[in-house]
Amino acid sequence: MVKAAQTAALKYAYFIHAAYQVREQSPLQEQYPFFPAGYTLVYNIHMKDANKGKGGLIYCGFLAKTNFSPDSPATYVLALKGTENYLDWAETLDILPSPGPFGNNSGNIVSGFLDMFNNMTFSDPGQSKPKGLLKYIRYSIRYTDMQSEDDAQPMVCTGHGVGAAMATLFAAGDAYSLFPCRSYTFGSPCVGDQAFVSFYKTLITTSERYYNLPDLVPTMLDAFGYDHVHSGIPLDSLEDSKISWLPGSTHSLNTYMYLLGAGPSVLHGNNLISNIDDDVIIKKLSFRRRY
């Protein structure tokens, strides 16, 4: 049964779902196959693409804001998707620690993730030329016009997979700059060490980190001295007999959305059992550590 607290998480998972449908480099809002109702596209977000050489960028999400209402100040949502192949980034990730850039007490961050974050850019819809670095996007939007439902946390940061790691870093940086954020992440890897986790917890009071128990990604970096922000909220796709146990399915955003209460229509062919022999092997090998 889906808990009431998961309703908001599913809402923001649909924002990431919208980003996964995009095939253009910097689409206009009308070019999105699906875009959350009641919101307007502000910027497209891009990540450095190693396959395109120096300066090459690839689309990875967007910033949206609520449509204008004289009775309600604008609120913003940053939604970041993972890579098309969920382990694309893992093969070349620099796992050495780097000092956090958010202050003397911000601990250490996975170097590869920090490098990705520092090179992320944003651009106007329909424009391929970057307008600036994502970490400085706060200077391009009017925070004074922002207000969330609880009047305290004006920015929502949400992401899946490596996009969740980037959303976590953005939330930490924005909150450090005195602009509180809410965070909803799905299948996130560890981002930093215990000192970073403690720093993050002092800044981000509303942070819901969902992980699927057989998903391999959340467990990949804990053996290297890194830890997760907040305790995490477990989901378990192994309890549903029709969902595949293959790694691509257990990490899929569609699987997370289904477990959060979305209808069966959200599941694709790769989320469902197709080869029972392969799935049985994966189930026997599945790593089900709980955080």
C-alpha atoms as a PDB file:
ATOM      1  CA  MET A   1       0.000   0.000   0.000  1.00  0.00           C
ATOM      2  CA  VAL A   2       1.328   3.445  -0.933  1.00  0.00           C
ATOM      3  CA  LYS A   3       1.813   5.764   2.010  1.00  0.00           C
ATOM      4  CA  ALA A   4       0.401   9.282   1.891  1.00  0.00           C
ATOM      5  CA  ALA A   5       3.941  10.674   2.180  1.00  0.00           C
ATOM      6  CA  GLN A   6       4.784   9.064  -1.173  1.00  0.00           C
ATOM      7  CA  THR A   7       2.227  11.138  -3.066  1.00  0.00           C
ATOM      8  CA  ALA A   8       4.599  14.094  -3.390  1.00  0.00           C
ATOM      9  CA  ALA A   9       7.445  11.782  -4.396  1.00  0.00           C
ATOM     10  CA  LEU A  10       5.383  10.305  -7.230  1.00  0.00           C
ATOM     11  CA  LYS A  11       4.382  13.799  -8.360  1.00  0.00           C
ATOM     12  CA  TYR A  12       8.017  14.777  -8.793  1.00  0.00           C
ATOM     13  CA  ALA A  13       8.971  11.425 -10.308  1.00  0.00           C
ATOM     14  CA  TYR A  14       6.686  12.395 -13.192  1.00  0.00           C
ATOM     15  CA  PHE A  15       8.876  15.459 -13.782  1.00  0.00           C
ATOM     16  CA  ILE A  16      11.905  13.185 -14.247  1.00  0.00           C
ATOM     17  CA  HIS A  17       9.767  10.914 -16.415  1.00  0.00           C
ATOM     18  CA  ALA A  18       9.103  13.906 -18.680  1.00  0.00           C
ATOM     19  CA  ALA A  19      12.862  14.471 -19.030  1.00  0.00           C
ATOM     20  CA  TYR A  20      13.407  10.838 -20.044  1.00  0.00           C
ATOM     21  CA  GLN A  21      11.060  11.308 -23.020  1.00  0.00           C
ATOM     22  CA  VAL A  22      13.196  14.054 -24.584  1.00  0.00           C
ATOM     23  CA  ARG A  23      15.394  13.329 -27.610  1.00  0.00           C
ATOM     24  CA  GLU A  24      16.282  16.896 -28.658  1.00  0.00           C
ATOM     25  CA  GLN A  25      19.292  18.771 -27.307  1.00  0.00           C
ATOM     26  CA  SER A  26      17.377  21.820 -26.058  1.00  0.00           C
ATOM     27  CA  PRO A  27      13.651  21.470 -26.843  1.00  0.00           C
ATOM     28  CA  LEU A  28      10.906  24.018 -26.570  1.00  0.00           C
ATOM     29  CA  GLN A  29       8.154  23.136 -24.139  1.00  0.00           C
ATOM     30  CA  GLU A  30       5.829  22.095 -26.960  1.00  0.00           C
ATOM     31  CA  GLN A  31       8.483  19.641 -28.172  1.00  0.00           C
ATOM     32  CA  TYR A  32       8.305  17.666 -24.923  1.00  0.00           C
ATOM     33  CA  PRO A  33       6.194  14.532 -25.475  1.00  0.00           C
ATOM     34  CA  PHE A  34       4.878  15.142 -21.969  1.00  0.00           C
ATOM     35  CA  PHE A  35       5.261  18.131 -19.647  1.00  0.00           C
ATOM     36  CA  PRO A  36       3.801  18.494 -16.121  1.00  0.00           C
ATOM     37  CA  ALA A  37       0.482  20.353 -16.149  1.00  0.00           C
ATOM     38  CA  GLY A  38       0.453  23.748 -14.464  1.00  0.00           C
ATOM     39  CA  TYR A  39       4.162  24.374 -15.064  1.00  0.00           C
ATOM     40  CA  THR A  40       6.198  26.334 -17.589  1.00  0.00           C
ATOM     41  CA  LEU A  41       9.625  25.340 -18.907  1.00  0.00           C
ATOM     42  CA  VAL A  42      12.256  27.853 -17.800  1.00  0.00           C
ATOM     43  CA  TYR A  43      15.568  26.255 -18.791  1.00  0.00           C
ATOM     44  CA  ASN A  44      16.895  22.997 -20.202  1.00  0.00           C
ATOM     45  CA  ILE A  45      19.793  21.428 -18.288  1.00  0.00           C
ATOM     46  CA  HIS A  46      22.817  19.779 -19.882  1.00  0.00           C
ATOM     47  CA  MET A  47      25.630  17.520 -18.744  1.00  0.00           C
ATOM     48  CA  LYS A  48      29.098  17.125 -20.235  1.00  0.00           C
ATOM     49  CA  ASP A  49      29.175  14.321 -22.810  1.00  0.00           C
ATOM     50  CA  ALA A  50      32.557  12.586 -23.018  1.00  0.00           C
ATOM     51  CA  ASN A  51      31.575  10.984 -26.338  1.00  0.00           C
ATOM     52  CA  LYS A  52      31.241  14.384 -28.036  1.00  0.00           C
ATOM     53  CA  GLY A  53      34.687  15.704 -27.234  1.00  0.00           C
ATOM     54  CA  LYS A  54      35.579  18.974 -25.524  1.00  0.00           C
ATOM     55  CA  GLY A  55      32.551  21.156 -24.994  1.00  0.00           C
ATOM     56  CA  GLY A  56      30.098  18.400 -25.938  1.00  0.00           C
ATOM     57  CA  LEU A  57      26.858  18.462 -23.987  1.00  0.00           C
ATOM     58  CA  ILE A  58      23.907  16.138 -23.584  1.00  0.00           C
ATOM     59  CA  TYR A  59      20.405  16.961 -22.342  1.00  0.00           C
ATOM     60  CA  CYS A  60      19.704  15.733 -18.794  1.00  0.00           C
ATOM     61  CA  GLY A  61      16.704  17.632 -17.439  1.00  0.00           C
ATOM     62  CA  PHE A  62      14.963  20.943 -16.943  1.00  0.00           C
ATOM     63  CA  LEU A  63      13.935  23.704 -14.580  1.00  0.00           C
ATOM     64  CA  ALA A  64      10.206  24.461 -14.487  1.00  0.00           C
ATOM     65  CA  LYS A  65       8.081  26.922 -12.564  1.00  0.00           C
ATOM     66  CA  THR A  66       4.407  27.087 -11.708  1.00  0.00           C
ATOM     67  CA  ASN A  67       2.213  29.099 -14.034  1.00  0.00           C
ATOM     68  CA  PHE A  68       1.487  32.654 -12.961  1.00  0.00           C
ATOM     69  CA  SER A  69      -1.183  33.243 -10.370  1.00  0.00           C
ATOM     70  CA  PRO A  70      -1.751  36.555  -8.558  1.00  0.00           C
ATOM     71  CA  ASP A  71      -2.660  34.589  -5.428  1.00  0.00           C
ATOM     72  CA  SER A  72       0.353  32.271  -5.363  1.00  0.00           C
ATOM     73  CA  PRO A  73       4.072  33.126  -5.776  1.00  0.00           C
ATOM     74  CA  ALA A  74       6.044  31.033  -8.259  1.00  0.00           C
ATOM     75  CA  THR A  75       7.648  27.758  -7.216  1.00  0.00           C
ATOM     76  CA  TYR A  76      10.435  26.007  -9.114  1.00  0.00           C
ATOM     77  CA  VAL A  77      11.261  22.341  -9.764  1.00  0.00           C
ATOM     78  CA  LEU A  78      14.666  21.104 -10.939  1.00  0.00           C
ATOM     79  CA  ALA A  79      14.277  17.634 -12.503  1.00  0.00           C
ATOM     80  CA  LEU A  80      17.339  15.610 -13.575  1.00  0.00           C
ATOM     81  CA  LYS A  81      17.306  12.217 -15.277  1.00  0.00           C
ATOM     82  CA  GLY A  82      19.994   9.558 -15.231  1.00  0.00           C
ATOM     83  CA  THR A  83      21.958   8.299 -18.235  1.00  0.00           C
ATOM     84  CA  GLU A  84      20.321   6.121 -20.892  1.00  0.00           C
ATOM     85  CA  ASN A  85      22.425   3.150 -19.803  1.00  0.00           C
ATOM     86  CA  TYR A  86      22.294   3.259 -16.035  1.00  0.00           C
ATOM     87  CA  LEU A  87      25.965   2.218 -15.685  1.00  0.00           C
ATOM     88  CA  ASP A  88      27.423   4.531 -18.368  1.00  0.00           C
ATOM     89  CA  TRP A  89      28.936   6.781 -15.723  1.00  0.00           C
ATOM     90  CA  ALA A  90      30.168   4.005 -13.415  1.00  0.00           C
ATOM     91  CA  GLU A  91      32.865   2.666 -15.742  1.00  0.00           C
ATOM     92  CA  THR A  92      34.863   5.894 -15.751  1.00  0.00           C
ATOM     93  CA  LEU A  93      33.814   7.469 -12.444  1.00  0.00           C
ATOM     94  CA  ASP A  94      36.649   8.918 -10.369  1.00  0.00           C
ATOM     95  CA  ILE A  95      35.816   7.579  -6.910  1.00  0.00           C
ATOM     96  CA  LEU A  96      38.537   9.481  -5.040  1.00  0.00           C
ATOM     97  CA  PRO A  97      37.256  12.091  -2.556  1.00  0.00           C
ATOM     98  CA  SER A  98      37.352  15.825  -3.219  1.00  0.00           C
ATOM     99  CA  PRO A  99      36.716  18.552  -0.633  1.00  0.00           C
ATOM    100  CA  GLY A 100      33.149  19.823  -0.725  1.00  0.00           C
ATOM    101  CA  PRO A 101      32.889  23.326  -2.247  1.00  0.00           C
ATOM    102  CA  PHE A 102      30.144  24.475   0.135  1.00  0.00           C
ATOM    103  CA  GLY A 103      32.241  25.450   3.154  1.00  0.00           C
ATOM    104  CA  ASN A 104      34.881  24.148   5.552  1.00  0.00           C
ATOM    105  CA  ASN A 105      32.504  21.640   7.121  1.00  0.00           C
ATOM    106  CA  SER A 106      30.989  20.224   3.930  1.00  0.00           C
ATOM    107  CA  GLY A 107      33.107  17.075   3.979  1.00  0.00           C
ATOM    108  CA  ASN A 108      34.279  15.166   0.927  1.00  0.00           C
ATOM    109  CA  ILE A 109      32.378  14.394  -2.273  1.00  0.00           C
ATOM    110  CA  VAL A 110      32.951  11.708  -4.908  1.00  0.00           C
ATOM    111  CA  SER A 111      35.337  13.456  -7.325  1.00  0.00           C
ATOM    112  CA  GLY A 112      33.598  12.153 -10.438  1.00  0.00           C
ATOM    113  CA  PHE A 113      30.221  13.465  -9.299  1.00  0.00           C
ATOM    114  CA  LEU A 114      31.654  16.835  -8.322  1.00  0.00           C
ATOM    115  CA  ASP A 115      33.289  17.144 -11.754  1.00  0.00           C
ATOM    116  CA  MET A 116      29.977  16.307 -13.460  1.00  0.00           C
ATOM    117  CA  PHE A 117      28.146  18.866 -11.344  1.00  0.00           C
ATOM    118  CA  ASN A 118      30.673  21.634 -11.926  1.00  0.00           C
ATOM    119  CA  ASN A 119      30.338  21.188 -15.705  1.00  0.00           C
ATOM    120  CA  MET A 120      26.532  21.123 -15.887  1.00  0.00           C
ATOM    121  CA  THR A 121      24.980  24.026 -17.788  1.00  0.00           C
ATOM    122  CA  PHE A 122      21.558  25.496 -18.492  1.00  0.00           C
ATOM    123  CA  SER A 123      20.153  27.083 -21.646  1.00  0.00           C
ATOM    124  CA  ASP A 124      17.016  28.812 -22.828  1.00  0.00           C
ATOM    125  CA  PRO A 125      14.451  26.504 -24.465  1.00  0.00           C
ATOM    126  CA  GLY A 126      15.270  26.027 -28.154  1.00  0.00           C
ATOM    127  CA  GLN A 127      18.815  27.386 -27.732  1.00  0.00           C
ATOM    128  CA  SER A 128      21.851  25.102 -27.818  1.00  0.00           C
ATOM    129  CA  LYS A 129      24.328  27.671 -26.468  1.00  0.00           C
ATOM    130  CA  PRO A 130      24.682  27.457 -22.671  1.00  0.00           C
ATOM    131  CA  LYS A 131      23.515  30.465 -20.712  1.00  0.00           C
ATOM    132  CA  GLY A 132      25.552  29.602 -17.634  1.00  0.00           C
ATOM    133  CA  LEU A 133      26.589  26.914 -15.172  1.00  0.00           C
ATOM    134  CA  LEU A 134      23.826  25.076 -13.318  1.00  0.00           C
ATOM    135  CA  LYS A 135      25.383  25.818  -9.933  1.00  0.00           C
ATOM    136  CA  TYR A 136      24.857  29.550 -10.639  1.00  0.00           C
ATOM    137  CA  ILE A 137      21.317  29.245 -11.977  1.00  0.00           C
ATOM    138  CA  ARG A 138      20.022  30.975  -8.835  1.00  0.00           C
ATOM    139  CA  TYR A 139      21.213  34.274 -10.307  1.00  0.00           C
ATOM    140  CA  SER A 140      18.983  33.813 -13.365  1.00  0.00           C
ATOM    141  CA  ILE A 141      15.694  33.240 -11.540  1.00  0.00           C
ATOM    142  CA  ARG A 142      13.790  35.408  -9.089  1.00  0.00           C
ATOM    143  CA  TYR A 143      13.969  33.696  -5.736  1.00  0.00           C
ATOM    144  CA  THR A 144      12.060  36.578  -4.176  1.00  0.00           C
ATOM    145  CA  ASP A 145       8.969  35.457  -6.102  1.00  0.00           C
ATOM    146  CA  MET A 146       9.224  31.888  -4.874  1.00  0.00           C
ATOM    147  CA  GLN A 147       7.150  30.174  -2.237  1.00  0.00           C
ATOM    148  CA  SER A 148       6.420  26.527  -1.616  1.00  0.00           C
ATOM    149  CA  GLU A 149       3.297  24.971  -0.167  1.00  0.00           C
ATOM    150  CA  ASP A 150       4.798  25.140   3.333  1.00  0.00           C
ATOM    151  CA  ASP A 151       6.208  28.675   2.873  1.00  0.00           C
ATOM    152  CA  ALA A 152       9.679  27.480   3.874  1.00  0.00           C
ATOM    153  CA  GLN A 153      11.386  25.535   1.067  1.00  0.00           C
ATOM    154  CA  PRO A 154      11.025  27.357  -2.247  1.00  0.00           C
ATOM    155  CA  MET A 155      12.959  25.002  -4.567  1.00  0.00           C
ATOM    156  CA  VAL A 156      12.255  21.324  -5.239  1.00  0.00           C
ATOM    157  CA  CYS A 157      15.193  19.211  -6.457  1.00  0.00           C
ATOM    158  CA  THR A 158      14.424  15.769  -7.854  1.00  0.00           C
ATOM    159  CA  GLY A 159      16.482  13.233  -9.772  1.00  0.00           C
ATOM    160  CA  HIS A 160      16.991   9.583 -10.659  1.00  0.00           C
ATOM    161  CA  GLY A 161      20.265   7.607 -10.695  1.00  0.00           C
ATOM    162  CA  VAL A 162      23.212   9.880 -11.407  1.00  0.00           C
ATOM    163  CA  GLY A 163      20.645  12.672 -11.818  1.00  0.00           C
ATOM    164  CA  ALA A 164      19.750  12.100  -8.159  1.00  0.00           C
ATOM    165  CA  ALA A 165      23.394  12.621  -7.210  1.00  0.00           C
ATOM    166  CA  MET A 166      23.433  15.900  -9.145  1.00  0.00           C
ATOM    167  CA  ALA A 167      20.149  17.013  -7.550  1.00  0.00           C
ATOM    168  CA  THR A 168      21.651  16.288  -4.111  1.00  0.00           C
ATOM    169  CA  LEU A 169      24.679  18.468  -4.842  1.00  0.00           C
ATOM    170  CA  PHE A 170      22.522  21.267  -6.231  1.00  0.00           C
ATOM    171  CA  ALA A 171      20.271  21.168  -3.157  1.00  0.00           C
ATOM    172  CA  ALA A 172      23.288  21.343  -0.844  1.00  0.00           C
ATOM    173  CA  GLY A 173      24.766  24.300  -2.720  1.00  0.00           C
ATOM    174  CA  ASP A 174      21.488  26.172  -2.956  1.00  0.00           C
ATOM    175  CA  ALA A 175      20.661  25.630   0.711  1.00  0.00           C
ATOM    176  CA  TYR A 176      24.177  26.753   1.670  1.00  0.00           C
ATOM    177  CA  SER A 177      23.406  29.974  -0.225  1.00  0.00           C
ATOM    178  CA  LEU A 178      20.390  30.473   2.077  1.00  0.00           C
ATOM    179  CA  PHE A 179      17.743  29.231  -0.364  1.00  0.00           C
ATOM    180  CA  PRO A 180      16.142  26.163   1.282  1.00  0.00           C
ATOM    181  CA  CYS A 181      15.258  23.196  -0.910  1.00  0.00           C
ATOM    182  CA  ARG A 182      13.160  20.075  -0.745  1.00  0.00           C
ATOM    183  CA  SER A 183      14.707  16.955  -2.239  1.00  0.00           C
ATOM    184  CA  TYR A 184      13.099  13.818  -3.720  1.00  0.00           C
ATOM    185  CA  THR A 185      15.503  11.281  -5.214  1.00  0.00           C
ATOM    186  CA  PHE A 186      15.167   7.771  -6.649  1.00  0.00           C
ATOM    187  CA  GLY A 187      17.913   5.144  -6.926  1.00  0.00           C
ATOM    188  CA  SER A 188      20.667   7.550  -5.931  1.00  0.00           C
ATOM    189  CA  PRO A 189      24.271   6.421  -5.423  1.00  0.00           C
ATOM    190  CA  CYS A 190      26.218   7.723  -2.424  1.00  0.00           C
ATOM    191  CA  VAL A 191      27.416  11.281  -3.043  1.00  0.00           C
ATOM    192  CA  GLY A 192      29.817  12.051  -0.195  1.00  0.00           C
ATOM    193  CA  ASP A 193      31.320  10.916   3.078  1.00  0.00           C
ATOM    194  CA  GLN A 194      29.790  11.087   6.547  1.00  0.00           C
ATOM    195  CA  ALA A 195      30.936  14.677   7.036  1.00  0.00           C
ATOM    196  CA  PHE A 196      29.103  15.715   3.861  1.00  0.00           C
ATOM    197  CA  VAL A 197      26.028  13.782   5.004  1.00  0.00           C
ATOM    198  CA  SER A 198      26.036  15.651   8.338  1.00  0.00           C
ATOM    199  CA  PHE A 199      26.463  18.972   6.522  1.00  0.00           C
ATOM    200  CA  TYR A 200      23.593  18.126   4.172  1.00  0.00           C
ATOM    201  CA  LYS A 201      21.263  17.129   7.012  1.00  0.00           C
ATOM    202  CA  THR A 202      21.743  20.480   8.747  1.00  0.00           C
ATOM    203  CA  LEU A 203      20.617  22.291   5.592  1.00  0.00           C
ATOM    204  CA  ILE A 204      17.993  20.037   3.979  1.00  0.00           C
ATOM    205  CA  THR A 205      15.210  19.144   6.377  1.00  0.00           C
ATOM    206  CA  THR A 206      12.816  17.736   3.777  1.00  0.00           C
ATOM    207  CA  SER A 207      14.690  15.027   1.910  1.00  0.00           C
ATOM    208  CA  GLU A 208      13.069  11.812   0.711  1.00  0.00           C
ATOM    209  CA  ARG A 209      15.531   9.321  -0.761  1.00  0.00           C
ATOM    210  CA  TYR A 210      13.777   6.273  -2.228  1.00  0.00           C
ATOM    211  CA  TYR A 211      15.687   3.101  -3.055  1.00  0.00           C
ATOM    212  CA  ASN A 212      14.551  -0.221  -4.459  1.00  0.00           C
ATOM    213  CA  LEU A 213      16.080  -3.022  -2.374  1.00  0.00           C
ATOM    214  CA  PRO A 214      17.470  -5.056  -5.332  1.00  0.00           C
ATOM    215  CA  ASP A 215      18.676  -1.922  -7.159  1.00  0.00           C
ATOM    216  CA  LEU A 216      22.482  -2.130  -7.432  1.00  0.00           C
ATOM    217  CA  VAL A 217      23.149   1.595  -7.887  1.00  0.00           C
ATOM    218  CA  PRO A 218      22.487   2.752  -4.286  1.00  0.00           C
ATOM    219  CA  THR A 219      25.027   0.205  -2.996  1.00  0.00           C
ATOM    220  CA  MET A 220      27.852   0.820  -5.465  1.00  0.00           C
ATOM    221  CA  LEU A 221      29.959   3.341  -3.535  1.00  0.00           C
ATOM    222  CA  ASP A 222      29.318   2.585   0.121  1.00  0.00           C
ATOM    223  CA  ALA A 223      32.349   0.252   0.231  1.00  0.00           C
ATOM    224  CA  PHE A 224      34.633   3.194  -0.603  1.00  0.00           C
ATOM    225  CA  GLY A 225      33.874   5.220   2.518  1.00  0.00           C
ATOM    226  CA  TYR A 226      30.835   7.101   1.226  1.00  0.00           C
ATOM    227  CA  ASP A 227      27.404   7.276   2.796  1.00  0.00           C
ATOM    228  CA  HIS A 228      23.837   8.236   1.886  1.00  0.00           C
ATOM    229  CA  VAL A 229      22.070  11.442   2.836  1.00  0.00           C
ATOM    230  CA  HIS A 230      19.219  10.758   5.252  1.00  0.00           C
ATOM    231  CA  SER A 231      18.119   7.232   6.099  1.00  0.00           C
ATOM    232  CA  GLY A 232      16.226   6.429   2.903  1.00  0.00           C
ATOM    233  CA  ILE A 233      12.794   4.981   2.238  1.00  0.00           C
ATOM    234  CA  PRO A 234      12.870   1.362   0.978  1.00  0.00           C
ATOM    235  CA  LEU A 235      10.775  -0.055  -1.832  1.00  0.00           C
ATOM    236  CA  ASP A 236      10.899  -3.693  -2.952  1.00  0.00           C
ATOM    237  CA  SER A 237      10.154  -4.751  -6.526  1.00  0.00           C
ATOM    238  CA  LEU A 238      10.878  -8.379  -5.585  1.00  0.00           C
ATOM    239  CA  GLU A 239       7.488  -8.487  -3.886  1.00  0.00           C
ATOM    240  CA  ASP A 240       5.753  -8.105  -7.262  1.00  0.00           C
ATOM    241  CA  SER A 241       5.939 -11.290  -9.326  1.00  0.00           C
ATOM    242  CA  LYS A 242       5.548  -9.574 -12.692  1.00  0.00           C
ATOM    243  CA  ILE A 243       8.461  -7.126 -12.347  1.00  0.00           C
ATOM    244  CA  SER A 244      11.781  -8.318 -13.717  1.00  0.00           C
ATOM    245  CA  TRP A 245      14.733  -8.826 -11.371  1.00  0.00           C
ATOM    246  CA  LEU A 246      17.253  -7.792 -14.032  1.00  0.00           C
ATOM    247  CA  PRO A 247      19.388  -4.761 -12.999  1.00  0.00           C
ATOM    248  CA  GLY A 248      18.024  -2.507 -15.741  1.00  0.00           C
ATOM    249  CA  SER A 249      14.526  -3.059 -14.407  1.00  0.00           C
ATOM    250  CA  THR A 250      15.258  -2.780 -10.684  1.00  0.00           C
ATOM    251  CA  HIS A 251      16.913   0.614 -11.295  1.00  0.00           C
ATOM    252  CA  SER A 252      14.384   1.877 -13.852  1.00  0.00           C
ATOM    253  CA  LEU A 253      12.461   5.036 -12.924  1.00  0.00           C
ATOM    254  CA  ASN A 254       9.333   3.305 -14.268  1.00  0.00           C
ATOM    255  CA  THR A 255       9.733   0.600 -11.634  1.00  0.00           C
ATOM    256  CA  TYR A 256      10.128   3.212  -8.915  1.00  0.00           C
ATOM    257  CA  MET A 257       7.018   5.035 -10.111  1.00  0.00           C
ATOM    258  CA  TYR A 258       5.007   1.819 -10.138  1.00  0.00           C
ATOM    259  CA  LEU A 259       6.114   0.982  -6.598  1.00  0.00           C
ATOM    260  CA  LEU A 260       5.106   4.491  -5.514  1.00  0.00           C
ATOM    261  CA  GLY A 261       1.571   3.960  -6.755  1.00  0.00           C
ATOM    262  CA  ALA A 262       1.536   4.758 -10.474  1.00  0.00           C
ATOM    263  CA  GLY A 263      -0.668   2.490 -12.568  1.00  0.00           C
ATOM    264  CA  PRO A 264       0.640  -0.599 -14.406  1.00  0.00           C
ATOM    265  CA  SER A 265       0.681   1.376 -17.669  1.00  0.00           C
ATOM    266  CA  VAL A 266       3.906   3.044 -16.527  1.00  0.00           C
ATOM    267  CA  LEU A 267       5.750  -0.281 -16.841  1.00  0.00           C
ATOM    268  CA  HIS A 268       7.511  -1.047 -20.121  1.00  0.00           C
ATOM    269  CA  GLY A 269       8.585  -4.365 -21.609  1.00  0.00           C
ATOM    270  CA  ASN A 270      12.015  -4.206 -19.984  1.00  0.00           C
ATOM    271  CA  ASN A 271      10.347  -3.855 -16.563  1.00  0.00           C
ATOM    272  CA  LEU A 272       8.459  -7.129 -16.926  1.00  0.00           C
ATOM    273  CA  ILE A 273       9.638 -10.719 -16.686  1.00  0.00           C
ATOM    274  CA  SER A 274      10.483 -11.994 -20.165  1.00  0.00           C
ATOM    275  CA  ASN A 275      13.096 -14.679 -19.522  1.00  0.00           C
ATOM    276  CA  ILE A 276      12.409 -16.517 -16.301  1.00  0.00           C
ATOM    277  CA  ASP A 277      15.782 -18.338 -16.294  1.00  0.00           C
ATOM    278  CA  ASP A 278      17.788 -15.093 -16.414  1.00  0.00           C
ATOM    279  CA  ASP A 279      15.556 -13.532 -13.810  1.00  0.00           C
ATOM    280  CA  VAL A 280      15.925 -16.430 -11.403  1.00  0.00           C
ATOM    281  CA  ILE A 281      19.711 -16.113 -11.606  1.00  0.00           C
ATOM    282  CA  ILE A 282      19.558 -12.382 -10.936  1.00  0.00           C
ATOM    283  CA  LYS A 283      17.214 -12.899  -8.007  1.00  0.00           C
ATOM    284  CA  LYS A 284      19.605 -15.386  -6.424  1.00  0.00           C
ATOM    285  CA  LEU A 285      22.481 -12.930  -6.824  1.00  0.00           C
ATOM    286  CA  SER A 286      20.542  -9.799  -5.835  1.00  0.00           C
ATOM    287  CA  PHE A 287      22.144  -7.674  -3.163  1.00  0.00           C
ATOM    288  CA  ARG A 288      19.436  -6.671  -0.720  1.00  0.00           C
ATOM    289  CA  ARG A 289      21.226  -4.552   1.826  1.00  0.00           C
ATOM    290  CA  ARG A 290      18.928  -2.191   3.751  1.00  0.00           C
ATOM    291  CA  TYR A 291      20.014   1.294   4.792  1.00  0.00           C
END
